[in-house]
């Protein structure tokens, strides 16, 4: 497993991390034993960053990680969590010092730690990014010892660029995958120049890039791939990266063929493509069980992808995906 410094945190993390949204139930129910198995397998494979949020399962994801940390005190990785989505809306009106302290204290209890490694503002509205007071409040939390570092999770490239310009933002989390390539144009180069870490989420386009789905595939009612298919609950870009499902299935079949020619499983090829983007710190695929966690980790040791594969992925994106996705985020 390769490791890179996560921006201004100064800490090295594995290029493949573990996203834990699924532990909260938004990808269908995940049993506690399976969640623990996924974390065990990830750690055994060299994963040193877990990503969570205070709203995943109303805190269940954080609580499960906290239990696992208690049982695995030798693991020296970084746990990144998020806040602001417990508010009625993730806007400036709710980005108060009192709310920040309350949310941070709740996450500390859930995770069983005195100091949170990294707290990210969880896809807030544009007015939050333009407020100096918000970042002063985050600085105060660092000074108090409640958090070690802070970053942001964003929906758009403009939000990412705004955050990168802030002097104490350690990292930016953004959707980046073979079906969402816009961050390559400006965000990753700007982050690299500023020394800000980039955490890539939704690297498999909500599973599309695994190549397992057909047009007839269905998901549990509690799975956001059912209830947020048209953006009913939150930004549609979080579900299948905003790609129409039928279009995504067809494009994913083409991607799978390219991966096979490269001698890789589609999942491994998709994750390797993200990790090999210049300026990328880590990517956080989810895993519902130990086997998925092990499979994801394989990409951390993948050889450099061929230029022919890279070019074919660019062409696939341009032809199939970009017309409906590229300019939206």
C-alpha atoms as a PDB file:
ATOM      1  CA  UNK A   1       0.000   0.000   0.000  1.00  0.00           C
ATOM      2  CA  UNK A   2       1.333   3.415  -0.957  1.00  0.00           C
ATOM      3  CA  UNK A   3       1.140   6.362   1.428  1.00  0.00           C
ATOM      4  CA  UNK A   4       1.063  10.128   0.880  1.00  0.00           C
ATOM      5  CA  UNK A   5       0.978  13.184   3.096  1.00  0.00           C
ATOM      6  CA  UNK A   6      -2.561  14.440   3.584  1.00  0.00           C
ATOM      7  CA  UNK A   7      -2.050  18.108   2.864  1.00  0.00           C
ATOM      8  CA  UNK A   8      -1.617  20.451   5.802  1.00  0.00           C
ATOM      9  CA  UNK A   9      -2.294  17.727   8.355  1.00  0.00           C
ATOM     10  CA  UNK A  10       1.323  16.670   7.811  1.00  0.00           C
ATOM     11  CA  UNK A  11       0.252  13.051   8.357  1.00  0.00           C
ATOM     12  CA  UNK A  12       0.851  10.214   5.962  1.00  0.00           C
ATOM     13  CA  UNK A  13      -2.210   8.210   4.954  1.00  0.00           C
ATOM     14  CA  UNK A  14      -2.755   5.274   2.654  1.00  0.00           C
ATOM     15  CA  UNK A  15      -3.727   6.089  -0.916  1.00  0.00           C
ATOM     16  CA  UNK A  16      -6.715   3.768  -0.434  1.00  0.00           C
ATOM     17  CA  UNK A  17      -8.832   4.605   2.596  1.00  0.00           C
ATOM     18  CA  UNK A  18     -12.170   3.345   3.860  1.00  0.00           C
ATOM     19  CA  UNK A  19     -15.365   5.329   3.467  1.00  0.00           C
ATOM     20  CA  UNK A  20     -18.015   4.396   6.030  1.00  0.00           C
ATOM     21  CA  UNK A  21     -21.227   6.028   4.820  1.00  0.00           C
ATOM     22  CA  UNK A  22     -22.553   2.503   4.299  1.00  0.00           C
ATOM     23  CA  UNK A  23     -22.212   1.744   8.025  1.00  0.00           C
ATOM     24  CA  UNK A  24     -25.011   4.248   8.588  1.00  0.00           C
ATOM     25  CA  UNK A  25     -27.415   2.294   6.389  1.00  0.00           C
ATOM     26  CA  UNK A  26     -27.746   4.501   3.321  1.00  0.00           C
ATOM     27  CA  UNK A  27     -26.546   1.649   1.114  1.00  0.00           C
ATOM     28  CA  UNK A  28     -28.892  -0.828   2.762  1.00  0.00           C
ATOM     29  CA  UNK A  29     -28.397  -2.343   6.207  1.00  0.00           C
ATOM     30  CA  UNK A  30     -24.854  -3.344   7.204  1.00  0.00           C
ATOM     31  CA  UNK A  31     -24.568  -5.610  10.260  1.00  0.00           C
ATOM     32  CA  UNK A  32     -22.131  -4.619  12.988  1.00  0.00           C
ATOM     33  CA  UNK A  33     -20.108  -7.789  12.419  1.00  0.00           C
ATOM     34  CA  UNK A  34     -19.725  -6.956   8.734  1.00  0.00           C
ATOM     35  CA  UNK A  35     -18.676  -3.383   9.551  1.00  0.00           C
ATOM     36  CA  UNK A  36     -16.033  -4.680  11.956  1.00  0.00           C
ATOM     37  CA  UNK A  37     -14.906  -7.205   9.353  1.00  0.00           C
ATOM     38  CA  UNK A  38     -14.493  -4.430   6.788  1.00  0.00           C
ATOM     39  CA  UNK A  39     -12.407  -2.334   9.186  1.00  0.00           C
ATOM     40  CA  UNK A  40     -10.304  -5.344  10.184  1.00  0.00           C
ATOM     41  CA  UNK A  41      -9.599  -6.248   6.569  1.00  0.00           C
ATOM     42  CA  UNK A  42      -8.828  -2.651   5.629  1.00  0.00           C
ATOM     43  CA  UNK A  43      -6.361  -2.252   8.490  1.00  0.00           C
ATOM     44  CA  UNK A  44      -4.696  -5.575   7.662  1.00  0.00           C
ATOM     45  CA  UNK A  45      -4.249  -4.354   4.072  1.00  0.00           C
ATOM     46  CA  UNK A  46      -2.478  -1.208   5.257  1.00  0.00           C
ATOM     47  CA  UNK A  47      -5.363   1.280   5.189  1.00  0.00           C
ATOM     48  CA  UNK A  48      -4.646   4.184   7.545  1.00  0.00           C
ATOM     49  CA  UNK A  49      -7.600   6.533   7.001  1.00  0.00           C
ATOM     50  CA  UNK A  50     -11.276   5.999   7.775  1.00  0.00           C
ATOM     51  CA  UNK A  51     -13.809   8.615   6.679  1.00  0.00           C
ATOM     52  CA  UNK A  52     -17.153   9.092   8.422  1.00  0.00           C
ATOM     53  CA  UNK A  53     -19.695  11.797   9.336  1.00  0.00           C
ATOM     54  CA  UNK A  54     -21.902  12.622  12.285  1.00  0.00           C
ATOM     55  CA  UNK A  55     -25.059  12.103  10.218  1.00  0.00           C
ATOM     56  CA  UNK A  56     -24.246   8.665   8.847  1.00  0.00           C
ATOM     57  CA  UNK A  57     -26.940   6.608  10.557  1.00  0.00           C
ATOM     58  CA  UNK A  58     -27.403   9.485  13.041  1.00  0.00           C
ATOM     59  CA  UNK A  59     -23.985   8.679  14.471  1.00  0.00           C
ATOM     60  CA  UNK A  60     -23.963   4.885  14.020  1.00  0.00           C
ATOM     61  CA  UNK A  61     -20.973   4.999  11.679  1.00  0.00           C
ATOM     62  CA  UNK A  62     -18.928   7.031  14.174  1.00  0.00           C
ATOM     63  CA  UNK A  63     -19.995   4.782  17.040  1.00  0.00           C
ATOM     64  CA  UNK A  64     -18.951   1.626  15.193  1.00  0.00           C
ATOM     65  CA  UNK A  65     -15.559   3.139  14.405  1.00  0.00           C
ATOM     66  CA  UNK A  66     -15.235   4.186  18.049  1.00  0.00           C
ATOM     67  CA  UNK A  67     -15.872   0.621  19.217  1.00  0.00           C
ATOM     68  CA  UNK A  68     -13.392  -0.702  16.687  1.00  0.00           C
ATOM     69  CA  UNK A  69     -10.745   1.801  17.811  1.00  0.00           C
ATOM     70  CA  UNK A  70     -11.162   0.653  21.410  1.00  0.00           C
ATOM     71  CA  UNK A  71     -10.542  -2.925  20.325  1.00  0.00           C
ATOM     72  CA  UNK A  72      -7.618  -1.986  18.060  1.00  0.00           C
ATOM     73  CA  UNK A  73      -5.490   0.505  20.010  1.00  0.00           C
ATOM     74  CA  UNK A  74      -2.380  -0.272  17.953  1.00  0.00           C
ATOM     75  CA  UNK A  75      -3.915   1.101  14.741  1.00  0.00           C
ATOM     76  CA  UNK A  76      -2.282   4.491  14.215  1.00  0.00           C
ATOM     77  CA  UNK A  77      -4.447   5.739  11.380  1.00  0.00           C
ATOM     78  CA  UNK A  78      -6.450   8.929  10.934  1.00  0.00           C
ATOM     79  CA  UNK A  79     -10.216   9.204  11.355  1.00  0.00           C
ATOM     80  CA  UNK A  80     -11.831  12.008   9.380  1.00  0.00           C
ATOM     81  CA  UNK A  81     -15.371  12.994  10.279  1.00  0.00           C
ATOM     82  CA  UNK A  82     -17.737  15.757   9.151  1.00  0.00           C
ATOM     83  CA  UNK A  83     -20.222  18.233  10.580  1.00  0.00           C
ATOM     84  CA  UNK A  84     -22.946  20.777   9.733  1.00  0.00           C
ATOM     85  CA  UNK A  85     -25.464  18.392   8.200  1.00  0.00           C
ATOM     86  CA  UNK A  86     -27.185  17.956  11.574  1.00  0.00           C
ATOM     87  CA  UNK A  87     -28.551  21.465  11.059  1.00  0.00           C
ATOM     88  CA  UNK A  88     -31.879  22.033   9.257  1.00  0.00           C
ATOM     89  CA  UNK A  89     -29.778  23.261   6.354  1.00  0.00           C
ATOM     90  CA  UNK A  90     -25.965  23.433   5.969  1.00  0.00           C
ATOM     91  CA  UNK A  91     -25.918  27.226   5.720  1.00  0.00           C
ATOM     92  CA  UNK A  92     -24.105  30.139   7.323  1.00  0.00           C
ATOM     93  CA  UNK A  93     -27.009  30.755   9.680  1.00  0.00           C
ATOM     94  CA  UNK A  94     -26.256  27.423  11.388  1.00  0.00           C
ATOM     95  CA  UNK A  95     -22.445  27.598  11.236  1.00  0.00           C
ATOM     96  CA  UNK A  96     -22.248  29.097  14.725  1.00  0.00           C
ATOM     97  CA  UNK A  97     -19.553  28.587  17.325  1.00  0.00           C
ATOM     98  CA  UNK A  98     -22.121  26.948  19.618  1.00  0.00           C
ATOM     99  CA  UNK A  99     -23.220  24.471  16.962  1.00  0.00           C
ATOM    100  CA  UNK A 100     -19.657  23.679  15.977  1.00  0.00           C
ATOM    101  CA  UNK A 101     -18.738  22.936  19.600  1.00  0.00           C
ATOM    102  CA  UNK A 102     -21.837  20.790  20.114  1.00  0.00           C
ATOM    103  CA  UNK A 103     -21.281  18.756  16.963  1.00  0.00           C
ATOM    104  CA  UNK A 104     -17.583  18.291  17.660  1.00  0.00           C
ATOM    105  CA  UNK A 105     -18.278  17.188  21.240  1.00  0.00           C
ATOM    106  CA  UNK A 106     -20.849  14.670  20.000  1.00  0.00           C
ATOM    107  CA  UNK A 107     -18.369  13.204  17.502  1.00  0.00           C
ATOM    108  CA  UNK A 108     -15.696  13.003  20.174  1.00  0.00           C
ATOM    109  CA  UNK A 109     -18.075  10.981  22.349  1.00  0.00           C
ATOM    110  CA  UNK A 110     -19.119   8.745  19.467  1.00  0.00           C
ATOM    111  CA  UNK A 111     -15.525   8.044  18.474  1.00  0.00           C
ATOM    112  CA  UNK A 112     -14.226   7.866  22.035  1.00  0.00           C
ATOM    113  CA  UNK A 113     -11.413  10.367  21.518  1.00  0.00           C
ATOM    114  CA  UNK A 114     -10.393  13.635  23.134  1.00  0.00           C
ATOM    115  CA  UNK A 115      -9.213  15.260  19.899  1.00  0.00           C
ATOM    116  CA  UNK A 116     -10.700  14.653  16.466  1.00  0.00           C
ATOM    117  CA  UNK A 117      -8.010  14.062  13.828  1.00  0.00           C
ATOM    118  CA  UNK A 118      -9.800  15.887  11.013  1.00  0.00           C
ATOM    119  CA  UNK A 119     -13.212  17.566  10.899  1.00  0.00           C
ATOM    120  CA  UNK A 120     -14.637  18.508   7.526  1.00  0.00           C
ATOM    121  CA  UNK A 121     -17.504  20.881   6.861  1.00  0.00           C
ATOM    122  CA  UNK A 122     -20.001  18.553   5.213  1.00  0.00           C
ATOM    123  CA  UNK A 123     -20.953  20.010   1.829  1.00  0.00           C
ATOM    124  CA  UNK A 124     -22.180  23.363   3.173  1.00  0.00           C
ATOM    125  CA  UNK A 125     -23.847  26.053   1.098  1.00  0.00           C
ATOM    126  CA  UNK A 126     -21.834  28.686  -0.753  1.00  0.00           C
ATOM    127  CA  UNK A 127     -22.294  31.353   1.943  1.00  0.00           C
ATOM    128  CA  UNK A 128     -20.274  29.249   4.393  1.00  0.00           C
ATOM    129  CA  UNK A 129     -17.201  29.238   2.158  1.00  0.00           C
ATOM    130  CA  UNK A 130     -17.210  33.038   1.870  1.00  0.00           C
ATOM    131  CA  UNK A 131     -17.402  33.715   5.619  1.00  0.00           C
ATOM    132  CA  UNK A 132     -14.188  34.573   7.439  1.00  0.00           C
ATOM    133  CA  UNK A 133     -15.989  34.064  10.751  1.00  0.00           C
ATOM    134  CA  UNK A 134     -16.629  30.395   9.977  1.00  0.00           C
ATOM    135  CA  UNK A 135     -12.948  29.686   9.535  1.00  0.00           C
ATOM    136  CA  UNK A 136     -12.092  31.727  12.636  1.00  0.00           C
ATOM    137  CA  UNK A 137     -14.415  29.414  14.581  1.00  0.00           C
ATOM    138  CA  UNK A 138     -12.678  26.380  13.161  1.00  0.00           C
ATOM    139  CA  UNK A 139      -9.305  27.871  14.100  1.00  0.00           C
ATOM    140  CA  UNK A 140     -10.604  28.308  17.656  1.00  0.00           C
ATOM    141  CA  UNK A 141     -11.500  24.617  17.835  1.00  0.00           C
ATOM    142  CA  UNK A 142      -7.952  23.744  16.818  1.00  0.00           C
ATOM    143  CA  UNK A 143      -6.545  26.100  19.433  1.00  0.00           C
ATOM    144  CA  UNK A 144      -8.732  24.520  22.124  1.00  0.00           C
ATOM    145  CA  UNK A 145      -7.502  21.033  21.275  1.00  0.00           C
ATOM    146  CA  UNK A 146     -10.939  19.717  20.306  1.00  0.00           C
ATOM    147  CA  UNK A 147      -9.783  19.083  16.742  1.00  0.00           C
ATOM    148  CA  UNK A 148      -6.317  18.666  15.278  1.00  0.00           C
ATOM    149  CA  UNK A 149      -7.119  19.840  11.738  1.00  0.00           C
ATOM    150  CA  UNK A 150     -10.061  20.865   9.602  1.00  0.00           C
ATOM    151  CA  UNK A 151     -11.041  20.600   5.976  1.00  0.00           C
ATOM    152  CA  UNK A 152     -14.102  20.767   3.780  1.00  0.00           C
ATOM    153  CA  UNK A 153     -16.190  18.362   1.750  1.00  0.00           C
ATOM    154  CA  UNK A 154     -17.575  20.072  -1.344  1.00  0.00           C
ATOM    155  CA  UNK A 155     -20.083  19.558  -4.119  1.00  0.00           C
ATOM    156  CA  UNK A 156     -18.590  21.902  -6.738  1.00  0.00           C
ATOM    157  CA  UNK A 157     -15.174  22.760  -8.092  1.00  0.00           C
ATOM    158  CA  UNK A 158     -15.799  26.457  -7.317  1.00  0.00           C
ATOM    159  CA  UNK A 159     -16.340  25.608  -3.652  1.00  0.00           C
ATOM    160  CA  UNK A 160     -13.142  23.572  -3.670  1.00  0.00           C
ATOM    161  CA  UNK A 161     -11.113  26.434  -5.104  1.00  0.00           C
ATOM    162  CA  UNK A 162     -12.553  28.827  -2.514  1.00  0.00           C
ATOM    163  CA  UNK A 163     -11.563  26.478   0.301  1.00  0.00           C
ATOM    164  CA  UNK A 164      -8.079  25.860  -1.064  1.00  0.00           C
ATOM    165  CA  UNK A 165      -7.437  29.607  -0.836  1.00  0.00           C
ATOM    166  CA  UNK A 166      -8.050  29.531   2.943  1.00  0.00           C
ATOM    167  CA  UNK A 167      -4.707  29.386   4.806  1.00  0.00           C
ATOM    168  CA  UNK A 168      -5.581  26.711   7.375  1.00  0.00           C
ATOM    169  CA  UNK A 169      -7.762  24.336   5.350  1.00  0.00           C
ATOM    170  CA  UNK A 170      -5.882  21.044   5.506  1.00  0.00           C
ATOM    171  CA  UNK A 171      -7.864  19.049   2.975  1.00  0.00           C
ATOM    172  CA  UNK A 172     -10.664  19.143   0.435  1.00  0.00           C
ATOM    173  CA  UNK A 173     -12.921  16.181  -0.185  1.00  0.00           C
ATOM    174  CA  UNK A 174     -14.534  16.063  -3.613  1.00  0.00           C
ATOM    175  CA  UNK A 175     -16.181  13.572  -5.957  1.00  0.00           C
ATOM    176  CA  UNK A 176     -13.572  12.303  -8.388  1.00  0.00           C
ATOM    177  CA  UNK A 177     -13.826   9.237 -10.582  1.00  0.00           C
ATOM    178  CA  UNK A 178     -13.682   8.176 -14.226  1.00  0.00           C
ATOM    179  CA  UNK A 179     -17.231   9.543 -14.598  1.00  0.00           C
ATOM    180  CA  UNK A 180     -16.480  12.846 -12.792  1.00  0.00           C
ATOM    181  CA  UNK A 181     -13.265  14.292 -14.198  1.00  0.00           C
ATOM    182  CA  UNK A 182     -13.780  18.045 -13.903  1.00  0.00           C
ATOM    183  CA  UNK A 183     -11.659  18.377 -10.701  1.00  0.00           C
ATOM    184  CA  UNK A 184      -8.617  17.427 -12.770  1.00  0.00           C
ATOM    185  CA  UNK A 185      -8.763  20.731 -14.638  1.00  0.00           C
ATOM    186  CA  UNK A 186      -8.243  23.225 -11.801  1.00  0.00           C
ATOM    187  CA  UNK A 187      -8.885  21.745  -8.359  1.00  0.00           C
ATOM    188  CA  UNK A 188      -6.109  19.169  -8.103  1.00  0.00           C
ATOM    189  CA  UNK A 189      -3.440  21.492  -9.574  1.00  0.00           C
ATOM    190  CA  UNK A 190      -4.485  24.299  -7.188  1.00  0.00           C
ATOM    191  CA  UNK A 191      -4.453  21.971  -4.186  1.00  0.00           C
ATOM    192  CA  UNK A 192      -1.060  20.592  -5.119  1.00  0.00           C
ATOM    193  CA  UNK A 193       0.379  24.100  -5.401  1.00  0.00           C
ATOM    194  CA  UNK A 194      -1.116  25.185  -2.061  1.00  0.00           C
ATOM    195  CA  UNK A 195      -0.181  22.023  -0.173  1.00  0.00           C
ATOM    196  CA  UNK A 196      -3.809  21.064   0.463  1.00  0.00           C
ATOM    197  CA  UNK A 197      -4.762  17.403   0.576  1.00  0.00           C
ATOM    198  CA  UNK A 198      -7.360  15.955  -1.790  1.00  0.00           C
ATOM    199  CA  UNK A 199      -9.667  13.204  -0.567  1.00  0.00           C
ATOM    200  CA  UNK A 200     -11.630  11.628  -3.422  1.00  0.00           C
ATOM    201  CA  UNK A 201     -15.070  10.279  -2.600  1.00  0.00           C
ATOM    202  CA  UNK A 202     -17.621   8.288  -4.640  1.00  0.00           C
ATOM    203  CA  UNK A 203     -14.710   6.760  -6.605  1.00  0.00           C
ATOM    204  CA  UNK A 204     -16.853   3.974  -8.040  1.00  0.00           C
ATOM    205  CA  UNK A 205     -19.784   6.260  -8.950  1.00  0.00           C
ATOM    206  CA  UNK A 206     -21.964   4.575  -6.311  1.00  0.00           C
ATOM    207  CA  UNK A 207     -20.931   1.165  -7.610  1.00  0.00           C
ATOM    208  CA  UNK A 208     -21.477   1.788 -11.315  1.00  0.00           C
ATOM    209  CA  UNK A 209     -17.787   1.414 -12.097  1.00  0.00           C
ATOM    210  CA  UNK A 210     -17.691  -2.021 -10.502  1.00  0.00           C
ATOM    211  CA  UNK A 211     -19.418  -3.232 -13.665  1.00  0.00           C
ATOM    212  CA  UNK A 212     -21.879  -5.356 -11.696  1.00  0.00           C
ATOM    213  CA  UNK A 213     -25.093  -3.483 -12.508  1.00  0.00           C
ATOM    214  CA  UNK A 214     -27.562  -3.838 -15.346  1.00  0.00           C
ATOM    215  CA  UNK A 215     -30.567  -1.683 -16.205  1.00  0.00           C
ATOM    216  CA  UNK A 216     -32.682  -4.143 -14.220  1.00  0.00           C
ATOM    217  CA  UNK A 217     -30.626  -3.839 -11.007  1.00  0.00           C
ATOM    218  CA  UNK A 218     -32.656  -2.607  -8.038  1.00  0.00           C
ATOM    219  CA  UNK A 219     -31.629  -1.362  -4.605  1.00  0.00           C
ATOM    220  CA  UNK A 220     -33.213  -1.442  -1.151  1.00  0.00           C
ATOM    221  CA  UNK A 221     -35.676   1.313  -0.332  1.00  0.00           C
ATOM    222  CA  UNK A 222     -33.266   2.551   2.382  1.00  0.00           C
ATOM    223  CA  UNK A 223     -30.439   2.804  -0.185  1.00  0.00           C
ATOM    224  CA  UNK A 224     -29.800   6.310  -1.549  1.00  0.00           C
ATOM    225  CA  UNK A 225     -29.452   4.728  -4.987  1.00  0.00           C
ATOM    226  CA  UNK A 226     -33.216   4.251  -4.722  1.00  0.00           C
ATOM    227  CA  UNK A 227     -34.482   7.223  -2.764  1.00  0.00           C
ATOM    228  CA  UNK A 228     -32.120   9.863  -4.192  1.00  0.00           C
ATOM    229  CA  UNK A 229     -32.125   8.736  -7.818  1.00  0.00           C
ATOM    230  CA  UNK A 230     -33.464  12.143  -8.893  1.00  0.00           C
ATOM    231  CA  UNK A 231     -31.930  14.213  -6.100  1.00  0.00           C
ATOM    232  CA  UNK A 232     -34.960  14.012  -3.809  1.00  0.00           C
ATOM    233  CA  UNK A 233     -32.942  13.948  -0.540  1.00  0.00           C
ATOM    234  CA  UNK A 234     -29.639  15.714  -1.315  1.00  0.00           C
ATOM    235  CA  UNK A 235     -27.438  16.715  -4.228  1.00  0.00           C
ATOM    236  CA  UNK A 236     -28.019  14.281  -7.074  1.00  0.00           C
ATOM    237  CA  UNK A 237     -24.295  14.312  -7.794  1.00  0.00           C
ATOM    238  CA  UNK A 238     -23.763  12.082  -4.734  1.00  0.00           C
ATOM    239  CA  UNK A 239     -25.776   9.278  -6.386  1.00  0.00           C
ATOM    240  CA  UNK A 240     -24.110   7.631  -9.387  1.00  0.00           C
ATOM    241  CA  UNK A 241     -22.052  10.868  -9.632  1.00  0.00           C
ATOM    242  CA  UNK A 242     -25.107  12.511 -11.166  1.00  0.00           C
ATOM    243  CA  UNK A 243     -25.035  10.186 -14.166  1.00  0.00           C
ATOM    244  CA  UNK A 244     -28.346   8.862 -15.477  1.00  0.00           C
ATOM    245  CA  UNK A 245     -28.482   5.215 -14.373  1.00  0.00           C
ATOM    246  CA  UNK A 246     -29.130   3.701 -17.805  1.00  0.00           C
ATOM    247  CA  UNK A 247     -26.368   5.782 -19.365  1.00  0.00           C
ATOM    248  CA  UNK A 248     -24.053   4.900 -16.507  1.00  0.00           C
ATOM    249  CA  UNK A 249     -24.648   1.167 -16.879  1.00  0.00           C
ATOM    250  CA  UNK A 250     -23.780   1.286 -20.566  1.00  0.00           C
ATOM    251  CA  UNK A 251     -20.678   3.418 -19.986  1.00  0.00           C
ATOM    252  CA  UNK A 252     -19.608   1.163 -17.120  1.00  0.00           C
ATOM    253  CA  UNK A 253     -19.769  -1.861 -19.412  1.00  0.00           C
ATOM    254  CA  UNK A 254     -17.342  -0.095 -21.745  1.00  0.00           C
ATOM    255  CA  UNK A 255     -15.094   0.788 -18.802  1.00  0.00           C
ATOM    256  CA  UNK A 256     -15.093  -2.858 -17.702  1.00  0.00           C
ATOM    257  CA  UNK A 257     -13.899  -3.908 -21.155  1.00  0.00           C
ATOM    258  CA  UNK A 258     -11.063  -1.384 -20.953  1.00  0.00           C
ATOM    259  CA  UNK A 259     -10.110  -2.691 -17.498  1.00  0.00           C
ATOM    260  CA  UNK A 260     -10.043  -6.282 -18.738  1.00  0.00           C
ATOM    261  CA  UNK A 261      -7.704  -5.304 -21.565  1.00  0.00           C
ATOM    262  CA  UNK A 262      -5.490  -3.713 -18.897  1.00  0.00           C
ATOM    263  CA  UNK A 263      -5.540  -7.010 -16.987  1.00  0.00           C
ATOM    264  CA  UNK A 264      -7.471  -5.571 -14.045  1.00  0.00           C
ATOM    265  CA  UNK A 265     -10.821  -6.026 -12.362  1.00  0.00           C
ATOM    266  CA  UNK A 266     -13.099  -3.033 -13.040  1.00  0.00           C
ATOM    267  CA  UNK A 267     -13.101  -1.983  -9.374  1.00  0.00           C
ATOM    268  CA  UNK A 268      -9.310  -2.134  -9.163  1.00  0.00           C
ATOM    269  CA  UNK A 269      -8.932  -0.189 -12.408  1.00  0.00           C
ATOM    270  CA  UNK A 270     -11.415   2.479 -11.291  1.00  0.00           C
ATOM    271  CA  UNK A 271      -9.694   2.998  -7.942  1.00  0.00           C
ATOM    272  CA  UNK A 272      -6.214   2.903  -9.465  1.00  0.00           C
ATOM    273  CA  UNK A 273      -7.306   5.566 -11.968  1.00  0.00           C
ATOM    274  CA  UNK A 274      -8.183   7.882  -9.068  1.00  0.00           C
ATOM    275  CA  UNK A 275      -5.073   7.193  -6.995  1.00  0.00           C
ATOM    276  CA  UNK A 276      -2.861   7.921 -10.005  1.00  0.00           C
ATOM    277  CA  UNK A 277      -4.313  11.405 -10.586  1.00  0.00           C
ATOM    278  CA  UNK A 278      -1.566  13.990  -9.862  1.00  0.00           C
ATOM    279  CA  UNK A 279      -2.288  15.827  -6.615  1.00  0.00           C
ATOM    280  CA  UNK A 280      -4.523  13.126  -5.131  1.00  0.00           C
ATOM    281  CA  UNK A 281      -3.857  12.233  -1.491  1.00  0.00           C
ATOM    282  CA  UNK A 282      -6.273   9.395  -0.815  1.00  0.00           C
ATOM    283  CA  UNK A 283      -9.492   7.847  -2.105  1.00  0.00           C
ATOM    284  CA  UNK A 284     -12.199   6.523   0.219  1.00  0.00           C
ATOM    285  CA  UNK A 285     -14.249   3.707  -1.340  1.00  0.00           C
ATOM    286  CA  UNK A 286     -16.880   2.162   0.861  1.00  0.00           C
ATOM    287  CA  UNK A 287     -16.980  -1.494   1.784  1.00  0.00           C
ATOM    288  CA  UNK A 288     -19.900  -3.448   3.222  1.00  0.00           C
ATOM    289  CA  UNK A 289     -17.764  -6.406   4.307  1.00  0.00           C
ATOM    290  CA  UNK A 290     -14.220  -7.732   4.577  1.00  0.00           C
ATOM    291  CA  UNK A 291     -14.042  -9.052   1.022  1.00  0.00           C
ATOM    292  CA  UNK A 292     -14.957  -5.676  -0.484  1.00  0.00           C
ATOM    293  CA  UNK A 293     -12.398  -3.943   1.739  1.00  0.00           C
ATOM    294  CA  UNK A 294      -9.662  -6.338   0.626  1.00  0.00           C
ATOM    295  CA  UNK A 295     -10.601  -5.927  -3.020  1.00  0.00           C
ATOM    296  CA  UNK A 296     -10.525  -2.143  -2.731  1.00  0.00           C
ATOM    297  CA  UNK A 297      -7.091  -2.220  -1.118  1.00  0.00           C
ATOM    298  CA  UNK A 298      -5.625  -4.074  -4.108  1.00  0.00           C
ATOM    299  CA  UNK A 299      -5.665  -0.822  -6.058  1.00  0.00           C
ATOM    300  CA  UNK A 300      -3.181   0.670  -3.594  1.00  0.00           C
ATOM    301  CA  UNK A 301      -0.459  -1.495  -5.083  1.00  0.00           C
ATOM    302  CA  UNK A 302      -1.534  -1.345  -8.731  1.00  0.00           C
ATOM    303  CA  UNK A 303       1.109  -0.646 -11.365  1.00  0.00           C
ATOM    304  CA  UNK A 304       0.863   2.610 -13.335  1.00  0.00           C
ATOM    305  CA  UNK A 305      -1.995   2.448 -15.812  1.00  0.00           C
ATOM    306  CA  UNK A 306      -1.024   2.490 -19.465  1.00  0.00           C
ATOM    307  CA  UNK A 307      -1.370   5.648 -21.517  1.00  0.00           C
ATOM    308  CA  UNK A 308      -3.659   3.797 -23.906  1.00  0.00           C
ATOM    309  CA  UNK A 309      -6.005   2.988 -21.026  1.00  0.00           C
ATOM    310  CA  UNK A 310      -5.878   6.566 -19.750  1.00  0.00           C
ATOM    311  CA  UNK A 311      -6.667   7.930 -23.200  1.00  0.00           C
ATOM    312  CA  UNK A 312      -9.542   5.508 -23.650  1.00  0.00           C
ATOM    313  CA  UNK A 313     -11.023   6.575 -20.291  1.00  0.00           C
ATOM    314  CA  UNK A 314     -10.784  10.225 -21.325  1.00  0.00           C
ATOM    315  CA  UNK A 315     -12.549   9.461 -24.591  1.00  0.00           C
ATOM    316  CA  UNK A 316     -15.264   7.434 -22.850  1.00  0.00           C
ATOM    317  CA  UNK A 317     -15.900  10.302 -20.443  1.00  0.00           C
ATOM    318  CA  UNK A 318     -16.003  12.894 -23.205  1.00  0.00           C
ATOM    319  CA  UNK A 319     -18.406  10.899 -25.341  1.00  0.00           C
ATOM    320  CA  UNK A 320     -20.726   9.345 -22.775  1.00  0.00           C
ATOM    321  CA  UNK A 321     -20.618  11.326 -19.545  1.00  0.00           C
ATOM    322  CA  UNK A 322     -19.360  14.883 -19.961  1.00  0.00           C
ATOM    323  CA  UNK A 323     -22.310  16.235 -21.987  1.00  0.00           C
ATOM    324  CA  UNK A 324     -24.694  15.852 -19.036  1.00  0.00           C
ATOM    325  CA  UNK A 325     -22.352  16.029 -16.029  1.00  0.00           C
ATOM    326  CA  UNK A 326     -19.237  18.102 -16.623  1.00  0.00           C
ATOM    327  CA  UNK A 327     -20.625  21.615 -16.306  1.00  0.00           C
ATOM    328  CA  UNK A 328     -22.983  20.907 -13.399  1.00  0.00           C
ATOM    329  CA  UNK A 329     -20.448  20.616 -10.619  1.00  0.00           C
END
